[in-house]
C-alpha atoms as a PDB file:
ATOM      1  CA  MET A   1     -51.207  46.664 -65.199  1.00  0.00           C
ATOM      2  CA  SER A   2     -48.450  47.825 -62.994  1.00  0.00           C
ATOM      3  CA  GLU A   3     -46.521  44.544 -62.873  1.00  0.00           C
ATOM      4  CA  ILE A   4     -46.372  41.345 -64.908  1.00  0.00           C
ATOM      5  CA  SER A   5     -43.860  38.614 -64.273  1.00  0.00           C
ATOM      6  CA  ARG A   6     -43.697  34.996 -65.306  1.00  0.00           C
ATOM      7  CA  ASN A   7     -41.998  32.224 -63.370  1.00  0.00           C
ATOM      8  CA  ASP A   8     -40.023  31.181 -66.477  1.00  0.00           C
ATOM      9  CA  PRO A   9     -40.569  33.009 -69.781  1.00  0.00           C
ATOM     10  CA  ASN A  10     -39.019  30.059 -71.651  1.00  0.00           C
ATOM     11  CA  ALA A  11     -41.378  27.529 -70.075  1.00  0.00           C
ATOM     12  CA  ARG A  12     -44.704  26.318 -71.379  1.00  0.00           C
ATOM     13  CA  SER A  13     -47.496  28.831 -71.635  1.00  0.00           C
ATOM     14  CA  PRO A  14     -48.904  29.757 -68.240  1.00  0.00           C
ATOM     15  CA  LYS A  15     -51.945  27.780 -67.069  1.00  0.00           C
ATOM     16  CA  VAL A  16     -52.676  29.826 -63.951  1.00  0.00           C
ATOM     17  CA  ALA A  17     -52.918  33.582 -63.549  1.00  0.00           C
ATOM     18  CA  ILE A  18     -52.106  34.956 -60.110  1.00  0.00           C
ATOM     19  CA  VAL A  19     -53.698  38.390 -59.865  1.00  0.00           C
ATOM     20  CA  TYR A  20     -53.648  40.819 -56.959  1.00  0.00           C
ATOM     21  CA  GLY A  21     -54.821  44.382 -56.500  1.00  0.00           C
ATOM     22  CA  SER A  22     -51.709  46.059 -55.144  1.00  0.00           C
ATOM     23  CA  PRO A  23     -47.952  45.472 -55.234  1.00  0.00           C
ATOM     24  CA  SER A  24     -48.134  45.330 -51.434  1.00  0.00           C
ATOM     25  CA  ASP A  25     -49.998  42.004 -51.830  1.00  0.00           C
ATOM     26  CA  ALA A  26     -47.079  40.405 -53.702  1.00  0.00           C
ATOM     27  CA  GLN A  27     -45.490  38.790 -50.633  1.00  0.00           C
ATOM     28  CA  THR A  28     -48.717  37.033 -49.631  1.00  0.00           C
ATOM     29  CA  MET A  29     -49.456  35.922 -53.188  1.00  0.00           C
ATOM     30  CA  SER A  30     -45.891  34.744 -53.875  1.00  0.00           C
ATOM     31  CA  LYS A  31     -46.659  31.603 -51.868  1.00  0.00           C
ATOM     32  CA  ALA A  32     -49.107  30.606 -54.607  1.00  0.00           C
ATOM     33  CA  GLY A  33     -46.349  30.901 -57.179  1.00  0.00           C
ATOM     34  CA  ALA A  34     -43.950  28.864 -55.062  1.00  0.00           C
ATOM     35  CA  THR A  35     -46.566  26.129 -54.678  1.00  0.00           C
ATOM     36  CA  LEU A  36     -47.336  26.055 -58.402  1.00  0.00           C
ATOM     37  CA  GLU A  37     -43.596  25.794 -59.104  1.00  0.00           C
ATOM     38  CA  ARG A  38     -43.446  22.781 -56.784  1.00  0.00           C
ATOM     39  CA  PHE A  39     -45.952  21.032 -59.071  1.00  0.00           C
ATOM     40  CA  GLY A  40     -44.347  22.324 -62.281  1.00  0.00           C
ATOM     41  CA  VAL A  41     -47.418  24.378 -63.183  1.00  0.00           C
ATOM     42  CA  PRO A  42     -46.524  27.405 -65.311  1.00  0.00           C
ATOM     43  CA  TYR A  43     -48.105  30.659 -64.151  1.00  0.00           C
ATOM     44  CA  GLU A  44     -48.012  34.392 -64.541  1.00  0.00           C
ATOM     45  CA  GLN A  45     -48.313  36.998 -61.827  1.00  0.00           C
ATOM     46  CA  VAL A  46     -50.011  40.361 -62.327  1.00  0.00           C
ATOM     47  CA  SER A  47     -50.788  43.338 -60.134  1.00  0.00           C
ATOM     48  CA  VAL A  48     -53.855  45.194 -61.411  1.00  0.00           C
ATOM     49  CA  SER A  49     -56.474  47.056 -59.399  1.00  0.00           C
ATOM     50  CA  ALA A  50     -60.207  46.528 -59.906  1.00  0.00           C
ATOM     51  CA  HIS A  51     -60.824  50.044 -58.588  1.00  0.00           C
ATOM     52  CA  ARG A  52     -57.925  52.070 -59.989  1.00  0.00           C
ATOM     53  CA  SER A  53     -57.699  50.447 -63.431  1.00  0.00           C
ATOM     54  CA  PRO A  54     -60.978  48.655 -64.234  1.00  0.00           C
ATOM     55  CA  ARG A  55     -60.608  48.902 -68.021  1.00  0.00           C
ATOM     56  CA  THR A  56     -57.104  47.442 -67.874  1.00  0.00           C
ATOM     57  CA  LEU A  57     -58.432  44.610 -65.706  1.00  0.00           C
ATOM     58  CA  ALA A  58     -61.266  43.910 -68.150  1.00  0.00           C
ATOM     59  CA  GLU A  59     -58.846  43.816 -71.107  1.00  0.00           C
ATOM     60  CA  TYR A  60     -56.481  41.505 -69.248  1.00  0.00           C
ATOM     61  CA  VAL A  61     -59.223  39.098 -68.159  1.00  0.00           C
ATOM     62  CA  ASP A  62     -60.746  39.084 -71.643  1.00  0.00           C
ATOM     63  CA  GLU A  63     -57.507  37.617 -73.057  1.00  0.00           C
ATOM     64  CA  LEU A  64     -56.864  34.941 -70.418  1.00  0.00           C
ATOM     65  CA  ALA A  65     -58.663  31.933 -71.931  1.00  0.00           C
ATOM     66  CA  ALA A  66     -57.346  32.645 -75.427  1.00  0.00           C
ATOM     67  CA  ARG A  67     -53.796  32.587 -74.022  1.00  0.00           C
ATOM     68  CA  GLY A  68     -54.342  29.190 -72.371  1.00  0.00           C
ATOM     69  CA  ILE A  69     -54.964  30.286 -68.784  1.00  0.00           C
ATOM     70  CA  ALA A  70     -57.275  27.726 -67.163  1.00  0.00           C
ATOM     71  CA  VAL A  71     -57.575  28.996 -63.558  1.00  0.00           C
ATOM     72  CA  VAL A  72     -57.278  32.404 -61.903  1.00  0.00           C
ATOM     73  CA  ILE A  73     -56.082  32.970 -58.341  1.00  0.00           C
ATOM     74  CA  ALA A  74     -57.136  36.473 -57.271  1.00  0.00           C
ATOM     75  CA  GLY A  75     -55.975  38.007 -54.012  1.00  0.00           C
ATOM     76  CA  ALA A  76     -57.361  41.184 -52.499  1.00  0.00           C
ATOM     77  CA  GLY A  77     -57.602  43.059 -49.244  1.00  0.00           C
ATOM     78  CA  LEU A  78     -59.901  45.758 -47.882  1.00  0.00           C
ATOM     79  CA  ALA A  79     -62.942  46.004 -50.202  1.00  0.00           C
ATOM     80  CA  ALA A  80     -61.684  42.906 -52.039  1.00  0.00           C
ATOM     81  CA  ALA A  81     -63.441  43.625 -55.313  1.00  0.00           C
ATOM     82  CA  LEU A  82     -60.815  41.983 -57.507  1.00  0.00           C
ATOM     83  CA  PRO A  83     -61.820  38.287 -57.251  1.00  0.00           C
ATOM     84  CA  GLY A  84     -65.486  39.071 -57.896  1.00  0.00           C
ATOM     85  CA  SER A  85     -64.659  41.444 -60.731  1.00  0.00           C
ATOM     86  CA  VAL A  86     -62.524  38.792 -62.404  1.00  0.00           C
ATOM     87  CA  ALA A  87     -65.258  36.158 -61.897  1.00  0.00           C
ATOM     88  CA  ALA A  88     -67.831  38.489 -63.427  1.00  0.00           C
ATOM     89  CA  LEU A  89     -65.663  38.917 -66.531  1.00  0.00           C
ATOM     90  CA  THR A  90     -64.785  35.268 -67.283  1.00  0.00           C
ATOM     91  CA  THR A  91     -66.077  31.719 -67.246  1.00  0.00           C
ATOM     92  CA  LEU A  92     -62.738  30.438 -65.925  1.00  0.00           C
ATOM     93  CA  PRO A  93     -62.676  29.168 -62.336  1.00  0.00           C
ATOM     94  CA  VAL A  94     -61.600  31.918 -59.932  1.00  0.00           C
ATOM     95  CA  ILE A  95     -60.098  31.225 -56.512  1.00  0.00           C
ATOM     96  CA  GLY A  96     -60.181  34.165 -54.112  1.00  0.00           C
ATOM     97  CA  VAL A  97     -57.545  34.831 -51.470  1.00  0.00           C
ATOM     98  CA  PRO A  98     -58.670  37.360 -48.850  1.00  0.00           C
ATOM     99  CA  ILE A  99     -55.686  39.358 -47.602  1.00  0.00           C
ATOM    100  CA  THR A 100     -55.440  40.705 -44.074  1.00  0.00           C
ATOM    101  CA  GLY A 101     -55.182  44.393 -43.284  1.00  0.00           C
ATOM    102  CA  GLY A 102     -57.423  47.376 -42.771  1.00  0.00           C
ATOM    103  CA  ALA A 103     -59.814  48.121 -39.922  1.00  0.00           C
ATOM    104  CA  LEU A 104     -61.240  44.580 -39.771  1.00  0.00           C
ATOM    105  CA  ASP A 105     -57.906  42.804 -40.348  1.00  0.00           C
ATOM    106  CA  GLY A 106     -59.112  40.844 -43.363  1.00  0.00           C
ATOM    107  CA  MET A 107     -62.604  39.846 -42.234  1.00  0.00           C
ATOM    108  CA  ASP A 108     -64.026  42.473 -44.596  1.00  0.00           C
ATOM    109  CA  SER A 109     -62.025  40.911 -47.433  1.00  0.00           C
ATOM    110  CA  LEU A 110     -63.144  37.407 -46.536  1.00  0.00           C
ATOM    111  CA  LEU A 111     -66.815  38.375 -46.436  1.00  0.00           C
ATOM    112  CA  ALA A 112     -66.594  40.384 -49.665  1.00  0.00           C
ATOM    113  CA  ILE A 113     -65.106  37.423 -51.519  1.00  0.00           C
ATOM    114  CA  VAL A 114     -67.340  34.638 -50.175  1.00  0.00           C
ATOM    115  CA  GLN A 115     -70.598  36.593 -50.450  1.00  0.00           C
ATOM    116  CA  MET A 116     -70.779  36.707 -54.242  1.00  0.00           C
ATOM    117  CA  PRO A 117     -74.184  36.894 -55.934  1.00  0.00           C
ATOM    118  CA  PRO A 118     -75.665  33.817 -57.642  1.00  0.00           C
ATOM    119  CA  GLY A 119     -74.020  33.146 -60.990  1.00  0.00           C
ATOM    120  CA  VAL A 120     -70.686  34.748 -60.056  1.00  0.00           C
ATOM    121  CA  PRO A 121     -68.917  32.112 -57.943  1.00  0.00           C
ATOM    122  CA  VAL A 122     -65.517  32.600 -56.381  1.00  0.00           C
ATOM    123  CA  ALA A 123     -63.992  29.614 -54.584  1.00  0.00           C
ATOM    124  CA  THR A 124     -62.458  31.120 -51.466  1.00  0.00           C
ATOM    125  CA  VAL A 125     -59.619  29.996 -49.227  1.00  0.00           C
ATOM    126  CA  GLY A 126     -58.619  31.254 -45.788  1.00  0.00           C
ATOM    127  CA  LEU A 127     -57.020  34.587 -44.991  1.00  0.00           C
ATOM    128  CA  ASN A 128     -53.624  34.958 -46.695  1.00  0.00           C
ATOM    129  CA  ASN A 129     -53.706  31.286 -47.741  1.00  0.00           C
ATOM    130  CA  SER A 130     -52.489  31.555 -51.300  1.00  0.00           C
ATOM    131  CA  THR A 131     -50.790  28.178 -50.824  1.00  0.00           C
ATOM    132  CA  ASN A 132     -54.195  26.465 -50.613  1.00  0.00           C
ATOM    133  CA  ALA A 133     -55.373  28.495 -53.602  1.00  0.00           C
ATOM    134  CA  ALA A 134     -52.471  27.085 -55.622  1.00  0.00           C
ATOM    135  CA  VAL A 135     -53.162  23.529 -54.457  1.00  0.00           C
ATOM    136  CA  LEU A 136     -56.820  23.948 -55.468  1.00  0.00           C
ATOM    137  CA  ALA A 137     -55.798  25.375 -58.861  1.00  0.00           C
ATOM    138  CA  THR A 138     -53.505  22.372 -59.320  1.00  0.00           C
ATOM    139  CA  GLN A 139     -56.342  19.990 -58.423  1.00  0.00           C
ATOM    140  CA  ILE A 140     -58.541  21.665 -61.053  1.00  0.00           C
ATOM    141  CA  LEU A 141     -55.803  21.303 -63.686  1.00  0.00           C
ATOM    142  CA  ALA A 142     -55.195  17.680 -62.631  1.00  0.00           C
ATOM    143  CA  LEU A 143     -58.717  16.746 -63.711  1.00  0.00           C
ATOM    144  CA  SER A 144     -57.367  16.564 -67.257  1.00  0.00           C
ATOM    145  CA  ASP A 145     -53.686  15.859 -66.550  1.00  0.00           C
ATOM    146  CA  PRO A 146     -52.796  12.388 -65.190  1.00  0.00           C
ATOM    147  CA  GLY A 147     -49.171  13.395 -64.545  1.00  0.00           C
ATOM    148  CA  LEU A 148     -50.244  16.312 -62.404  1.00  0.00           C
ATOM    149  CA  ARG A 149     -52.747  14.062 -60.626  1.00  0.00           C
ATOM    150  CA  ALA A 150     -49.886  11.694 -59.748  1.00  0.00           C
ATOM    151  CA  LEU A 151     -47.838  14.592 -58.328  1.00  0.00           C
ATOM    152  CA  LEU A 152     -50.813  15.656 -56.216  1.00  0.00           C
ATOM    153  CA  THR A 153     -51.307  12.111 -54.952  1.00  0.00           C
ATOM    154  CA  ALA A 154     -47.654  11.966 -53.881  1.00  0.00           C
ATOM    155  CA  PHE A 155     -47.974  15.415 -52.262  1.00  0.00           C
ATOM    156  CA  LYS A 156     -51.035  14.340 -50.267  1.00  0.00           C
ATOM    157  CA  ASP A 157     -49.367  11.037 -49.289  1.00  0.00           C
ATOM    158  CA  ASP A 158     -46.242  12.871 -48.092  1.00  0.00           C
ATOM    159  CA  PHE A 159     -48.417  15.360 -46.207  1.00  0.00           C
ATOM    160  CA  GLU A 160     -50.259  12.518 -44.453  1.00  0.00           C
ATOM    161  CA  LYS A 161     -47.028  10.666 -43.609  1.00  0.00           C
ATOM    162  CA  ALA A 162     -45.521  13.810 -42.086  1.00  0.00           C
ATOM    163  CA  ALA A 163     -48.643  14.380 -39.987  1.00  0.00           C
ATOM    164  CA  ALA A 164     -48.708  10.747 -38.840  1.00  0.00           C
ATOM    165  CA  ALA A 165     -45.009  10.883 -37.913  1.00  0.00           C
ATOM    166  CA  GLY A 166     -45.655  13.991 -35.845  1.00  0.00           C
ATOM    167  CA  LEU A 167     -48.522  12.263 -34.051  1.00  0.00           C
ATOM    168  CA  GLU A 168     -46.419   9.173 -33.333  1.00  0.00           C
ATOM    169  CA  GLU A 169     -43.671  11.357 -31.904  1.00  0.00           C
ATOM    170  CA  ALA A 170     -46.158  13.228 -29.714  1.00  0.00           C
ATOM    171  CA  LEU A 171     -47.637   9.972 -28.400  1.00  0.00           C
ATOM    172  CA  ALA A 172     -44.316   8.211 -27.767  1.00  0.00           C
ATOM    173  CA  PRO A 173     -43.672   7.527 -24.073  1.00  0.00           C
ATOM    174  CA  ASP A 174     -40.948   9.602 -22.450  1.00  0.00           C
ATOM    175  CA  ARG A 175     -37.715   7.697 -21.957  1.00  0.00           C
END
């Protein structure tokens, strides 16, 4: 592992692991961390390559559940092997984030992540959309956490109100 950081080492044990294949993916994946922080979900962030350090990845994934991690968000570009590799190594839910770049500007990543073989599912969000990956991870955790469910309900209500206000403004007659 070339990089491990936690949002607050003094906080509760992390529930979500944010994993990406290269330090260059950190900016895209940092939006997942910011979203998890908004909901108060403790997480850890790790850069580890499925291709350059497969044994390190396998060791890391093998320890996740025992350490209390409940969901993995895995971001990858180009060949995008990381989300599928993680999913193959664990029974935890894995959410893939395809990252743009390369000759096909992320379409290769998207297809690699969504086209997993039967028995190795990876829930996949849109290109570079680690924010949605974090919201989905939070929804998974909220299945057994009423407090988190209430935060999500408020988030969705606020989101809807903001969209409705924008629509009302757009439809208002010019004065």
